[in-house]
Amino acid sequence: MRSISDTRPETLLNLNNGSFQYNTNVEEKQVELENGKKKTIFEYESVVIFGEPTRSKAIKAVIRDRRDETEEFNLINRYNAFTLEISDNVEDKIAYEDYLREVAAVKATVNADFEALGL
């Protein structure tokens, strides 16, 4: 889920209920208020990890927040249909390749975040 805050969020926040909030892809932005003054805000992705936070749980949480299993299976099935020449829609191939690049980017980001946390 996309979130906005007036303060930079912690990367990993213990929610004290057996879960953690993982905040990633933080972007600092300047917004103009109605009175003409500028204010700094932070936009970021926020997901909940249940249990002990691990890289694999964080990767799964971010990917599932962006796409559910049905959408992922549809991408795979359409790609396979194209690969097996059951479909001639090249967009199915491109969409799945884009998804794989997105997953690789998520993994790289999570790994960098957890490395910075010493986890």
N, C-alpha and C. Protein backbone atom coordinates (compact mmCIF):
# COMPACT_ATOMS: atom_id res chain seq x y z
N MET A 1 0.84 -1.17 0.00
CA MET A 1 0.00 0.00 0.00
C MET A 1 0.89 1.24 0.00
N ARG A 2 0.53 2.22 -0.77
CA ARG A 2 1.24 3.49 -0.79
C ARG A 2 0.84 4.28 0.44
N SER A 3 1.83 4.81 1.14
CA SER A 3 1.58 5.59 2.34
C SER A 3 2.28 6.94 2.23
N ILE A 4 1.82 7.89 3.03
CA ILE A 4 2.40 9.23 3.08
C ILE A 4 2.59 9.60 4.54
N SER A 5 3.73 10.23 4.84
CA SER A 5 4.02 10.64 6.20
C SER A 5 4.74 11.97 6.19
N ASP A 6 4.62 12.71 7.30
CA ASP A 6 5.36 13.95 7.47
C ASP A 6 6.79 13.68 7.93
N THR A 7 7.05 12.48 8.44
CA THR A 7 8.38 12.11 8.90
C THR A 7 8.85 10.87 8.15
N ARG A 8 10.18 10.75 8.00
CA ARG A 8 10.74 9.59 7.30
C ARG A 8 10.41 8.33 8.12
N PRO A 9 9.78 7.35 7.47
CA PRO A 9 9.40 6.14 8.21
C PRO A 9 10.60 5.23 8.48
N GLU A 10 10.54 4.51 9.58
CA GLU A 10 11.55 3.48 9.84
C GLU A 10 11.36 2.38 8.81
N THR A 11 12.45 1.73 8.43
CA THR A 11 12.35 0.66 7.45
C THR A 11 11.55 -0.51 8.01
N LEU A 12 11.78 -0.84 9.26
CA LEU A 12 11.10 -1.97 9.89
C LEU A 12 10.59 -1.50 11.25
N LEU A 13 9.28 -1.55 11.42
CA LEU A 13 8.65 -1.07 12.63
C LEU A 13 7.93 -2.22 13.32
N ASN A 14 8.32 -2.52 14.56
CA ASN A 14 7.66 -3.56 15.34
C ASN A 14 6.29 -3.05 15.76
N LEU A 15 5.24 -3.75 15.37
CA LEU A 15 3.88 -3.33 15.71
C LEU A 15 3.43 -3.89 17.06
N ASN A 16 4.31 -4.65 17.70
CA ASN A 16 4.08 -5.20 19.04
C ASN A 16 2.85 -6.10 19.14
N ASN A 17 2.51 -6.74 18.03
CA ASN A 17 1.39 -7.70 18.04
C ASN A 17 1.80 -8.96 17.28
N GLY A 18 3.11 -9.19 17.19
CA GLY A 18 3.60 -10.34 16.44
C GLY A 18 3.82 -10.05 14.97
N SER A 19 3.71 -8.78 14.59
CA SER A 19 3.93 -8.42 13.19
C SER A 19 4.79 -7.17 13.11
N PHE A 20 5.31 -6.93 11.90
CA PHE A 20 6.17 -5.79 11.63
C PHE A 20 5.67 -5.07 10.40
N GLN A 21 5.82 -3.76 10.39
CA GLN A 21 5.52 -2.97 9.20
C GLN A 21 6.84 -2.74 8.48
N TYR A 22 6.89 -3.14 7.22
CA TYR A 22 8.08 -2.94 6.39
C TYR A 22 7.78 -1.80 5.43
N ASN A 23 8.60 -0.75 5.51
CA ASN A 23 8.44 0.44 4.68
C ASN A 23 9.61 0.52 3.72
N THR A 24 9.32 0.64 2.43
CA THR A 24 10.36 0.61 1.43
C THR A 24 10.07 1.60 0.31
N ASN A 25 11.05 1.81 -0.54
CA ASN A 25 10.91 2.74 -1.67
C ASN A 25 10.45 4.12 -1.20
N VAL A 26 11.12 4.64 -0.18
CA VAL A 26 10.76 5.93 0.40
C VAL A 26 11.23 7.04 -0.53
N GLU A 27 10.30 7.94 -0.86
CA GLU A 27 10.60 9.10 -1.70
C GLU A 27 10.28 10.37 -0.93
N GLU A 28 11.28 11.23 -0.79
CA GLU A 28 11.08 12.53 -0.15
C GLU A 28 10.59 13.51 -1.20
N LYS A 29 9.50 14.21 -0.89
CA LYS A 29 8.91 15.15 -1.86
C LYS A 29 8.57 16.46 -1.17
N GLN A 30 8.59 17.51 -1.97
CA GLN A 30 8.15 18.82 -1.51
C GLN A 30 6.76 19.08 -2.07
N VAL A 31 5.84 19.46 -1.20
CA VAL A 31 4.50 19.81 -1.66
C VAL A 31 4.19 21.25 -1.23
N GLU A 32 3.39 21.90 -2.04
CA GLU A 32 3.01 23.27 -1.71
C GLU A 32 1.68 23.25 -0.98
N LEU A 33 1.64 23.93 0.14
CA LEU A 33 0.42 24.03 0.94
C LEU A 33 -0.47 25.14 0.41
N GLU A 34 -1.70 25.20 0.89
CA GLU A 34 -2.65 26.22 0.43
C GLU A 34 -2.14 27.63 0.68
N ASN A 35 -1.35 27.81 1.76
CA ASN A 35 -0.85 29.14 2.09
C ASN A 35 0.41 29.51 1.30
N GLY A 36 0.81 28.63 0.35
CA GLY A 36 1.97 28.89 -0.50
C GLY A 36 3.28 28.38 0.06
N LYS A 37 3.27 27.96 1.33
CA LYS A 37 4.50 27.41 1.92
C LYS A 37 4.72 25.99 1.42
N LYS A 38 5.98 25.56 1.49
CA LYS A 38 6.33 24.21 1.08
C LYS A 38 6.52 23.33 2.31
N LYS A 39 6.23 22.06 2.10
CA LYS A 39 6.33 21.09 3.19
C LYS A 39 6.97 19.81 2.63
N THR A 40 7.80 19.18 3.44
CA THR A 40 8.40 17.92 3.05
C THR A 40 7.51 16.77 3.50
N ILE A 41 7.24 15.86 2.57
CA ILE A 41 6.50 14.64 2.90
C ILE A 41 7.31 13.44 2.39
N PHE A 42 6.93 12.26 2.87
CA PHE A 42 7.57 11.04 2.44
C PHE A 42 6.49 10.08 1.93
N GLU A 43 6.65 9.64 0.69
CA GLU A 43 5.76 8.64 0.10
C GLU A 43 6.53 7.34 0.06
N TYR A 44 5.85 6.23 0.38
CA TYR A 44 6.54 4.95 0.44
C TYR A 44 5.55 3.79 0.36
N GLU A 45 6.09 2.61 0.09
CA GLU A 45 5.30 1.39 0.13
C GLU A 45 5.36 0.84 1.54
N SER A 46 4.24 0.35 2.02
CA SER A 46 4.15 -0.18 3.37
C SER A 46 3.39 -1.50 3.35
N VAL A 47 4.01 -2.54 3.91
CA VAL A 47 3.35 -3.84 4.01
C VAL A 47 3.56 -4.39 5.41
N VAL A 48 2.73 -5.35 5.79
CA VAL A 48 2.86 -5.98 7.09
C VAL A 48 3.44 -7.37 6.91
N ILE A 49 4.42 -7.68 7.75
CA ILE A 49 5.04 -9.00 7.79
C ILE A 49 4.63 -9.65 9.09
N PHE A 50 4.04 -10.83 9.02
CA PHE A 50 3.62 -11.53 10.22
C PHE A 50 4.74 -12.44 10.71
N GLY A 51 4.99 -12.41 12.01
CA GLY A 51 6.07 -13.21 12.57
C GLY A 51 7.40 -12.50 12.41
N GLU A 52 8.46 -13.26 12.64
CA GLU A 52 9.82 -12.70 12.52
C GLU A 52 10.06 -12.21 11.09
N PRO A 53 10.53 -10.97 10.93
CA PRO A 53 10.74 -10.45 9.58
C PRO A 53 11.97 -11.10 8.93
N THR A 54 11.76 -11.63 7.75
CA THR A 54 12.85 -12.19 6.95
C THR A 54 12.79 -11.57 5.56
N ARG A 55 13.88 -11.73 4.84
CA ARG A 55 13.90 -11.21 3.47
C ARG A 55 12.82 -11.86 2.62
N SER A 56 12.69 -13.18 2.73
CA SER A 56 11.70 -13.88 1.89
C SER A 56 10.28 -13.45 2.24
N LYS A 57 9.99 -13.24 3.53
CA LYS A 57 8.65 -12.77 3.90
C LYS A 57 8.41 -11.35 3.38
N ALA A 58 9.44 -10.52 3.42
CA ALA A 58 9.29 -9.14 2.93
C ALA A 58 9.07 -9.13 1.42
N ILE A 59 9.83 -9.95 0.70
CA ILE A 59 9.66 -10.03 -0.76
C ILE A 59 8.24 -10.48 -1.09
N LYS A 60 7.79 -11.52 -0.43
CA LYS A 60 6.45 -12.03 -0.69
C LYS A 60 5.39 -10.98 -0.35
N ALA A 61 5.55 -10.29 0.77
CA ALA A 61 4.56 -9.28 1.17
C ALA A 61 4.47 -8.15 0.16
N VAL A 62 5.62 -7.68 -0.33
CA VAL A 62 5.61 -6.58 -1.31
C VAL A 62 4.97 -7.04 -2.62
N ILE A 63 5.37 -8.21 -3.08
CA ILE A 63 4.81 -8.72 -4.35
C ILE A 63 3.31 -8.95 -4.22
N ARG A 64 2.87 -9.55 -3.12
CA ARG A 64 1.44 -9.81 -2.93
C ARG A 64 0.65 -8.53 -2.74
N ASP A 65 1.28 -7.51 -2.21
CA ASP A 65 0.59 -6.22 -2.08
C ASP A 65 0.35 -5.61 -3.46
N ARG A 66 1.27 -5.86 -4.36
CA ARG A 66 1.15 -5.31 -5.71
C ARG A 66 0.26 -6.17 -6.61
N ARG A 67 0.32 -7.49 -6.45
CA ARG A 67 -0.42 -8.42 -7.32
C ARG A 67 -0.86 -9.62 -6.51
N ASP A 68 -2.06 -10.09 -6.74
CA ASP A 68 -2.49 -11.31 -6.06
C ASP A 68 -2.10 -12.54 -6.89
N GLU A 69 -2.31 -13.71 -6.30
CA GLU A 69 -1.91 -14.96 -6.96
C GLU A 69 -2.61 -15.15 -8.29
N THR A 70 -3.87 -14.78 -8.37
CA THR A 70 -4.64 -14.95 -9.61
C THR A 70 -4.01 -14.15 -10.75
N GLU A 71 -3.63 -12.92 -10.47
CA GLU A 71 -3.01 -12.09 -11.50
C GLU A 71 -1.67 -12.69 -11.93
N GLU A 72 -0.91 -13.18 -10.95
CA GLU A 72 0.38 -13.80 -11.27
C GLU A 72 0.18 -15.04 -12.14
N PHE A 73 -0.77 -15.91 -11.76
CA PHE A 73 -1.03 -17.11 -12.56
C PHE A 73 -1.49 -16.76 -13.97
N ASN A 74 -2.30 -15.72 -14.10
CA ASN A 74 -2.75 -15.29 -15.42
C ASN A 74 -1.56 -14.85 -16.29
N LEU A 75 -0.63 -14.12 -15.69
CA LEU A 75 0.57 -13.71 -16.43
C LEU A 75 1.35 -14.93 -16.91
N ILE A 76 1.54 -15.89 -16.01
CA ILE A 76 2.29 -17.11 -16.35
C ILE A 76 1.57 -17.90 -17.43
N ASN A 77 0.27 -18.09 -17.27
CA ASN A 77 -0.49 -18.87 -18.25
C ASN A 77 -0.50 -18.22 -19.63
N ARG A 78 -0.67 -16.90 -19.67
CA ARG A 78 -0.66 -16.22 -20.96
C ARG A 78 0.72 -16.28 -21.60
N TYR A 79 1.77 -16.16 -20.78
CA TYR A 79 3.13 -16.28 -21.30
C TYR A 79 3.36 -17.68 -21.87
N ASN A 80 2.93 -18.70 -21.13
CA ASN A 80 3.10 -20.09 -21.60
C ASN A 80 2.32 -20.32 -22.89
N ALA A 81 1.13 -19.77 -22.98
CA ALA A 81 0.34 -19.93 -24.20
C ALA A 81 1.08 -19.30 -25.39
N PHE A 82 1.68 -18.15 -25.17
CA PHE A 82 2.45 -17.51 -26.24
C PHE A 82 3.67 -18.36 -26.60
N THR A 83 4.39 -18.82 -25.57
CA THR A 83 5.61 -19.62 -25.80
C THR A 83 5.30 -20.92 -26.54
N LEU A 84 4.15 -21.53 -26.24
CA LEU A 84 3.76 -22.78 -26.88
C LEU A 84 3.02 -22.55 -28.20
N GLU A 85 2.97 -21.29 -28.61
CA GLU A 85 2.33 -20.88 -29.86
C GLU A 85 0.83 -21.19 -29.91
N ILE A 86 0.22 -21.19 -28.73
CA ILE A 86 -1.24 -21.31 -28.64
C ILE A 86 -1.86 -19.93 -28.83
N SER A 87 -1.10 -18.93 -28.44
CA SER A 87 -1.51 -17.54 -28.61
C SER A 87 -0.44 -16.82 -29.43
N ASP A 88 -0.84 -15.80 -30.15
CA ASP A 88 0.14 -15.01 -30.89
C ASP A 88 0.24 -13.58 -30.35
N ASN A 89 -0.24 -13.40 -29.12
CA ASN A 89 -0.25 -12.07 -28.51
C ASN A 89 1.10 -11.80 -27.84
N VAL A 90 1.95 -11.06 -28.50
CA VAL A 90 3.28 -10.76 -27.98
C VAL A 90 3.21 -9.94 -26.70
N GLU A 91 2.10 -9.24 -26.47
CA GLU A 91 1.93 -8.46 -25.24
C GLU A 91 1.95 -9.36 -24.00
N ASP A 92 1.50 -10.61 -24.16
CA ASP A 92 1.53 -11.56 -23.04
C ASP A 92 2.97 -11.87 -22.63
N LYS A 93 3.83 -12.00 -23.61
CA LYS A 93 5.25 -12.25 -23.36
C LYS A 93 5.87 -11.03 -22.67
N ILE A 94 5.60 -9.86 -23.20
CA ILE A 94 6.15 -8.62 -22.66
C ILE A 94 5.68 -8.39 -21.22
N ALA A 95 4.40 -8.63 -20.96
CA ALA A 95 3.84 -8.42 -19.62
C ALA A 95 4.52 -9.33 -18.59
N TYR A 96 4.76 -10.58 -18.96
CA TYR A 96 5.39 -11.50 -18.03
C TYR A 96 6.86 -11.14 -17.81
N GLU A 97 7.55 -10.75 -18.86
CA GLU A 97 8.94 -10.32 -18.71
C GLU A 97 9.03 -9.08 -17.83
N ASP A 98 8.09 -8.16 -17.97
CA ASP A 98 8.04 -6.98 -17.11
C ASP A 98 7.83 -7.38 -15.66
N TYR A 99 6.95 -8.35 -15.44
CA TYR A 99 6.69 -8.86 -14.09
C TYR A 99 7.96 -9.46 -13.49
N LEU A 100 8.70 -10.24 -14.28
CA LEU A 100 9.94 -10.84 -13.78
C LEU A 100 10.96 -9.76 -13.41
N ARG A 101 11.02 -8.70 -14.20
CA ARG A 101 11.92 -7.58 -13.88
C ARG A 101 11.46 -6.89 -12.59
N GLU A 102 10.16 -6.76 -12.42
CA GLU A 102 9.62 -6.16 -11.20
C GLU A 102 9.99 -7.00 -9.97
N VAL A 103 9.86 -8.32 -10.08
CA VAL A 103 10.22 -9.21 -8.97
C VAL A 103 11.71 -9.08 -8.66
N ALA A 104 12.55 -9.04 -9.68
CA ALA A 104 13.99 -8.89 -9.47
C ALA A 104 14.30 -7.57 -8.76
N ALA A 105 13.60 -6.51 -9.13
CA ALA A 105 13.80 -5.21 -8.49
C ALA A 105 13.36 -5.24 -7.03
N VAL A 106 12.24 -5.89 -6.75
CA VAL A 106 11.77 -6.03 -5.37
C VAL A 106 12.81 -6.78 -4.55
N LYS A 107 13.32 -7.88 -5.08
CA LYS A 107 14.33 -8.66 -4.36
C LYS A 107 15.57 -7.82 -4.07
N ALA A 108 16.02 -7.06 -5.04
CA ALA A 108 17.20 -6.22 -4.85
C ALA A 108 16.96 -5.16 -3.78
N THR A 109 15.79 -4.55 -3.80
CA THR A 109 15.47 -3.52 -2.82
C THR A 109 15.38 -4.11 -1.42
N VAL A 110 14.67 -5.23 -1.28
CA VAL A 110 14.53 -5.88 0.03
C VAL A 110 15.92 -6.30 0.54
N ASN A 111 16.72 -6.89 -0.32
CA ASN A 111 18.06 -7.31 0.11
C ASN A 111 18.88 -6.13 0.59
N ALA A 112 18.82 -5.01 -0.13
CA ALA A 112 19.55 -3.81 0.28
C ALA A 112 19.03 -3.26 1.60
N ASP A 113 17.70 -3.22 1.76
CA ASP A 113 17.10 -2.72 3.01
C ASP A 113 17.51 -3.59 4.20
N PHE A 114 17.41 -4.92 4.03
CA PHE A 114 17.74 -5.82 5.13
C PHE A 114 19.23 -5.83 5.42
N GLU A 115 20.04 -5.65 4.40
CA GLU A 115 21.49 -5.53 4.59
C GLU A 115 21.79 -4.29 5.44
N ALA A 116 21.14 -3.17 5.12
CA ALA A 116 21.34 -1.93 5.87
C ALA A 116 20.88 -2.08 7.33
N LEU A 117 19.89 -2.95 7.56
CA LEU A 117 19.41 -3.20 8.92
C LEU A 117 20.26 -4.23 9.66
N GLY A 118 21.18 -4.85 8.94
CA GLY A 118 22.01 -5.88 9.55
C GLY A 118 21.28 -7.20 9.71
N LEU A 119 20.25 -7.42 8.90
CA LEU A 119 19.47 -8.66 8.98
C LEU A 119 19.76 -9.58 7.80
